[in-house]
């Protein structure tokens, strides 16, 4: 059995904005410090750094309203360093992967199912709660790097629960008047849920629309649009790049530990 680590790259990148230090490379510095910490914590055999695509099907299902409430980050330094992160990943023993027509969540879900079905152990690293729906799979766990703990399986069906209340973060409306407690009560009782959904016209449509947007898609592995690049540890190049960015606390006394960590990941 191999241990596969799935990194939600944008989730980690956005957290890195508020990490230690300042300067033109602070986000890049914080990202890779966090990445190495997760390597040490989970000791993976294979690592995927999963990037974002455009959520075509969710935009279509929501008539363009999916995530329409989100403000784009205008900071040029953020976008420059985001590109820098992915450029530097090519010196790490990781596989950088994305699908242009699907979100990172769908790619992670697809990979989790693939390796779970093969009998491998899968660790998802993200603070996004939507991955809870994958905890019904064998040997799949969800590590929240903000709370620093593994997330327990939901006591009721997660998809039903969240589809009832909606998701304000992603601009997915739920049924009016249904909050977390009511959604939990309804999800716990199938008869009560059915009665509730049928009581007023439109409730089922809202529920089903939300569920289609929240459910992670299983992407066909044969699809020709997959963008996947496998890399191995390139110590000289990585050292030179970190030195150029003046990451002194990494390339100083800590560098031997970095080498030991990265040489331990074969990514095969």
Protein backbone atom coordinates (compact mmCIF):
# COMPACT_ATOMS: atom_id res chain seq x y z
CA UNK A 1 0.00 0.00 0.00
CA UNK A 2 1.31 3.45 -0.95
CA UNK A 3 0.41 6.74 0.71
CA UNK A 4 -0.73 9.44 -1.70
CA UNK A 5 -0.83 13.08 -0.62
CA UNK A 6 -3.19 15.40 -2.52
CA UNK A 7 -2.37 19.08 -2.01
CA UNK A 8 -5.06 21.68 -2.67
CA UNK A 9 -2.58 24.16 -4.17
CA UNK A 10 -4.70 27.32 -4.27
CA UNK A 11 -5.92 26.66 -0.73
CA UNK A 12 -2.30 26.56 0.44
CA UNK A 13 -1.32 29.56 -1.71
CA UNK A 14 -4.05 31.76 -0.25
CA UNK A 15 -3.06 30.78 3.30
CA UNK A 16 0.55 31.66 2.46
CA UNK A 17 -0.49 35.28 1.85
CA UNK A 18 -0.98 35.72 5.59
CA UNK A 19 2.03 33.79 6.83
CA UNK A 20 5.41 34.77 8.19
CA UNK A 21 7.53 37.63 6.86
CA UNK A 22 7.18 40.23 4.15
CA UNK A 23 8.82 41.18 0.87
CA UNK A 24 8.46 40.28 -2.77
CA UNK A 25 8.81 36.52 -2.18
CA UNK A 26 7.05 36.08 1.17
CA UNK A 27 4.12 34.11 -0.24
CA UNK A 28 6.46 31.76 -2.11
CA UNK A 29 8.54 31.30 1.02
CA UNK A 30 5.52 30.53 3.19
CA UNK A 31 4.03 28.15 0.63
CA UNK A 32 7.10 25.93 0.45
CA UNK A 33 7.64 25.94 4.18
CA UNK A 34 4.05 24.73 4.55
CA UNK A 35 4.51 22.17 1.78
CA UNK A 36 7.58 20.66 3.41
CA UNK A 37 5.76 20.54 6.77
CA UNK A 38 3.00 18.47 5.17
CA UNK A 39 5.61 16.17 3.60
CA UNK A 40 7.16 15.57 7.03
CA UNK A 41 3.79 15.11 8.69
CA UNK A 42 2.32 12.61 6.24
CA UNK A 43 5.47 10.91 4.81
CA UNK A 44 3.90 10.28 1.37
CA UNK A 45 5.16 7.99 -1.35
CA UNK A 46 3.52 10.11 -4.05
CA UNK A 47 2.46 13.76 -4.06
CA UNK A 48 0.03 15.64 -6.28
CA UNK A 49 -0.02 19.45 -6.27
CA UNK A 50 -3.46 20.12 -7.70
CA UNK A 51 -4.18 23.38 -9.53
CA UNK A 52 -7.45 25.00 -10.64
CA UNK A 53 -9.41 24.89 -13.85
CA UNK A 54 -12.55 26.76 -14.82
CA UNK A 55 -15.72 25.21 -13.33
CA UNK A 56 -17.57 25.07 -16.65
CA UNK A 57 -20.39 22.75 -15.61
CA UNK A 58 -21.11 24.61 -12.34
CA UNK A 59 -21.24 27.96 -14.11
CA UNK A 60 -23.71 26.50 -16.60
CA UNK A 61 -25.83 24.86 -13.90
CA UNK A 62 -26.04 28.11 -11.93
CA UNK A 63 -26.65 30.39 -14.93
CA UNK A 64 -23.35 32.11 -14.29
CA UNK A 65 -23.95 32.73 -10.57
CA UNK A 66 -21.50 30.17 -9.21
CA UNK A 67 -18.84 32.06 -7.20
CA UNK A 68 -20.04 35.30 -8.81
CA UNK A 69 -19.89 36.94 -5.37
CA UNK A 70 -16.12 36.54 -5.04
CA UNK A 71 -13.81 39.48 -5.49
CA UNK A 72 -10.71 38.86 -7.59
CA UNK A 73 -7.38 39.46 -5.87
CA UNK A 74 -5.94 42.53 -7.59
CA UNK A 75 -2.51 42.42 -5.95
CA UNK A 76 0.04 41.96 -8.75
CA UNK A 77 2.53 40.52 -6.28
CA UNK A 78 0.09 37.75 -5.42
CA UNK A 79 -0.35 36.66 -9.04
CA UNK A 80 3.39 36.89 -9.72
CA UNK A 81 4.19 34.69 -6.74
CA UNK A 82 1.39 32.27 -7.58
CA UNK A 83 3.10 31.64 -10.93
CA UNK A 84 6.44 31.42 -9.14
CA UNK A 85 5.12 28.68 -6.86
CA UNK A 86 4.17 26.46 -9.79
CA UNK A 87 7.45 27.23 -11.60
CA UNK A 88 9.43 26.10 -8.54
CA UNK A 89 7.37 22.93 -8.14
CA UNK A 90 9.26 21.43 -11.08
CA UNK A 91 12.29 21.02 -8.77
CA UNK A 92 10.26 19.03 -6.21
CA UNK A 93 9.32 15.34 -6.25
CA UNK A 94 5.69 16.09 -7.05
CA UNK A 95 3.15 15.75 -9.84
CA UNK A 96 1.49 19.03 -10.81
CA UNK A 97 -1.94 18.34 -12.25
CA UNK A 98 -5.04 20.21 -13.40
CA UNK A 99 -7.97 19.92 -15.76
CA UNK A 100 -8.88 23.16 -17.59
CA UNK A 101 -12.64 22.48 -17.38
CA UNK A 102 -12.88 21.40 -13.72
CA UNK A 103 -12.01 22.76 -10.31
CA UNK A 104 -9.24 21.46 -8.12
CA UNK A 105 -11.90 19.83 -5.91
CA UNK A 106 -13.08 17.62 -8.78
CA UNK A 107 -9.54 16.62 -9.69
CA UNK A 108 -8.76 15.73 -6.08
CA UNK A 109 -12.02 13.78 -5.85
CA UNK A 110 -11.18 11.85 -9.02
CA UNK A 111 -7.67 11.04 -7.80
CA UNK A 112 -8.95 10.05 -4.34
CA UNK A 113 -11.38 7.56 -5.88
CA UNK A 114 -8.71 6.17 -8.20
CA UNK A 115 -6.20 5.45 -5.44
CA UNK A 116 -8.83 4.35 -2.94
CA UNK A 117 -10.07 1.77 -5.44
CA UNK A 118 -6.47 0.57 -5.87
CA UNK A 119 -6.17 -0.01 -2.12
CA UNK A 120 -3.80 2.90 -1.47
CA UNK A 121 -3.99 5.31 1.45
CA UNK A 122 -5.01 8.85 0.46
CA UNK A 123 -4.51 12.03 2.48
CA UNK A 124 -6.18 15.23 1.25
CA UNK A 125 -4.58 18.43 2.55
CA UNK A 126 -7.08 21.31 2.50
CA UNK A 127 -9.27 23.43 4.76
CA UNK A 128 -12.14 23.15 2.23
CA UNK A 129 -14.98 21.29 3.95
CA UNK A 130 -16.47 20.01 0.66
CA UNK A 131 -13.90 17.20 0.74
CA UNK A 132 -15.83 15.70 3.65
CA UNK A 133 -18.03 14.00 1.05
CA UNK A 134 -15.01 11.86 0.11
CA UNK A 135 -14.59 10.42 3.60
CA UNK A 136 -17.02 7.63 2.75
CA UNK A 137 -14.27 6.18 0.52
CA UNK A 138 -11.93 3.51 1.88
CA UNK A 139 -8.55 4.70 3.20
CA UNK A 140 -9.26 8.40 2.49
CA UNK A 141 -8.61 11.02 5.17
CA UNK A 142 -8.88 14.80 5.22
CA UNK A 143 -6.20 16.85 6.97
CA UNK A 144 -7.13 20.45 7.82
CA UNK A 145 -3.83 22.41 7.87
CA UNK A 146 -5.46 25.36 9.62
CA UNK A 147 -6.99 23.38 12.49
CA UNK A 148 -4.01 21.01 12.45
CA UNK A 149 -6.16 17.92 12.70
CA UNK A 150 -7.87 15.21 10.69
CA UNK A 151 -11.56 15.90 10.03
CA UNK A 152 -14.08 13.33 11.20
CA UNK A 153 -16.64 11.80 8.91
CA UNK A 154 -19.91 13.78 8.94
CA UNK A 155 -22.60 12.29 11.25
CA UNK A 156 -25.23 12.65 8.48
CA UNK A 157 -25.00 12.63 4.68
CA UNK A 158 -22.83 15.65 3.96
CA UNK A 159 -24.15 16.32 0.45
CA UNK A 160 -27.78 16.36 1.58
CA UNK A 161 -26.99 18.52 4.61
CA UNK A 162 -25.09 21.13 2.64
CA UNK A 163 -27.49 21.12 -0.32
CA UNK A 164 -30.36 22.00 2.02
CA UNK A 165 -28.64 25.02 3.56
CA UNK A 166 -26.59 26.06 0.52
CA UNK A 167 -23.10 27.53 0.46
CA UNK A 168 -22.81 31.31 0.71
CA UNK A 169 -19.06 31.17 0.07
CA UNK A 170 -19.61 29.75 -3.43
CA UNK A 171 -22.86 31.69 -3.99
CA UNK A 172 -24.95 28.50 -3.98
CA UNK A 173 -28.41 29.28 -2.55
CA UNK A 174 -30.08 26.84 -0.21
CA UNK A 175 -33.70 26.59 0.86
CA UNK A 176 -34.90 29.76 2.58
CA UNK A 177 -35.00 29.47 6.36
CA UNK A 178 -32.81 26.36 6.52
CA UNK A 179 -29.66 26.75 8.57
CA UNK A 180 -27.15 24.21 9.85
CA UNK A 181 -29.32 22.84 12.69
CA UNK A 182 -32.48 22.49 10.59
CA UNK A 183 -30.50 20.87 7.77
CA UNK A 184 -29.03 18.40 10.26
CA UNK A 185 -32.47 17.55 11.64
CA UNK A 186 -33.92 17.01 8.16
CA UNK A 187 -30.96 14.96 6.94
CA UNK A 188 -31.26 12.71 10.00
CA UNK A 189 -34.85 11.74 9.13
CA UNK A 190 -35.60 10.67 5.54
CA UNK A 191 -39.40 10.83 5.97
CA UNK A 192 -39.20 14.30 7.49
CA UNK A 193 -36.88 15.40 4.66
CA UNK A 194 -39.21 14.16 1.93
CA UNK A 195 -42.21 15.82 3.58
CA UNK A 196 -40.29 19.09 3.89
CA UNK A 197 -39.13 19.11 0.25
CA UNK A 198 -42.64 18.41 -1.07
CA UNK A 199 -44.42 20.88 1.20
CA UNK A 200 -43.70 23.96 -0.91
CA UNK A 201 -43.21 24.28 -4.69
CA UNK A 202 -39.65 24.97 -5.74
CA UNK A 203 -37.89 23.45 -2.75
CA UNK A 204 -36.85 20.30 -4.59
CA UNK A 205 -35.50 22.35 -7.51
CA UNK A 206 -33.37 24.50 -5.17
CA UNK A 207 -32.13 21.41 -3.34
CA UNK A 208 -31.25 19.51 -6.51
CA UNK A 209 -29.52 22.53 -8.07
CA UNK A 210 -27.37 23.01 -4.98
CA UNK A 211 -26.56 19.30 -4.85
CA UNK A 212 -25.40 19.24 -8.47
CA UNK A 213 -23.04 22.14 -7.80
CA UNK A 214 -21.64 20.77 -4.53
CA UNK A 215 -21.14 17.18 -5.68
CA UNK A 216 -17.58 16.46 -6.82
CA UNK A 217 -17.38 15.22 -10.40
CA UNK A 218 -15.60 12.00 -11.33
CA UNK A 219 -13.59 13.10 -14.38
CA UNK A 220 -12.89 10.54 -17.09
CA UNK A 221 -9.26 9.45 -16.91
CA UNK A 222 -9.25 9.02 -20.70
CA UNK A 223 -10.06 12.69 -21.27
CA UNK A 224 -7.35 14.25 -23.46
CA UNK A 225 -7.48 17.62 -21.69
CA UNK A 226 -5.65 16.48 -18.55
CA UNK A 227 -2.53 18.58 -17.84
CA UNK A 228 -0.11 16.47 -15.80
CA UNK A 229 3.62 16.92 -15.19
CA UNK A 230 5.72 14.55 -13.10
CA UNK A 231 8.83 15.95 -11.48
CA UNK A 232 11.68 14.63 -9.32
CA UNK A 233 13.87 16.33 -6.73
CA UNK A 234 16.49 18.57 -8.36
CA UNK A 235 18.61 19.70 -5.42
CA UNK A 236 21.13 21.97 -7.21
CA UNK A 237 18.45 23.88 -9.12
CA UNK A 238 16.16 24.24 -6.10
CA UNK A 239 19.04 25.47 -3.93
CA UNK A 240 20.00 28.03 -6.58
CA UNK A 241 16.41 29.27 -6.90
CA UNK A 242 15.96 29.56 -3.12
CA UNK A 243 19.33 31.32 -2.84
CA UNK A 244 18.31 33.77 -5.55
CA UNK A 245 15.20 34.62 -3.51
CA UNK A 246 17.29 34.93 -0.31
CA UNK A 247 15.49 32.16 1.57
CA UNK A 248 18.35 32.13 4.08
CA UNK A 249 16.56 30.20 6.83
CA UNK A 250 15.89 27.38 4.37
CA UNK A 251 19.26 27.09 2.61
CA UNK A 252 21.23 27.55 5.85
CA UNK A 253 21.31 25.03 8.68
CA UNK A 254 17.88 23.68 7.71
CA UNK A 255 18.91 22.64 4.20
CA UNK A 256 20.06 19.13 5.24
CA UNK A 257 16.60 18.49 6.68
CA UNK A 258 15.01 19.70 3.44
CA UNK A 259 17.21 17.30 1.46
CA UNK A 260 16.30 14.40 3.72
CA UNK A 261 12.59 15.17 3.38
CA UNK A 262 12.59 15.55 -0.39
CA UNK A 263 14.85 12.57 -1.07
CA UNK A 264 12.40 10.43 0.87
CA UNK A 265 9.63 11.02 -1.69
CA UNK A 266 9.99 8.91 -4.81
CA UNK A 267 6.75 10.15 -6.44
CA UNK A 268 6.43 7.02 -8.54
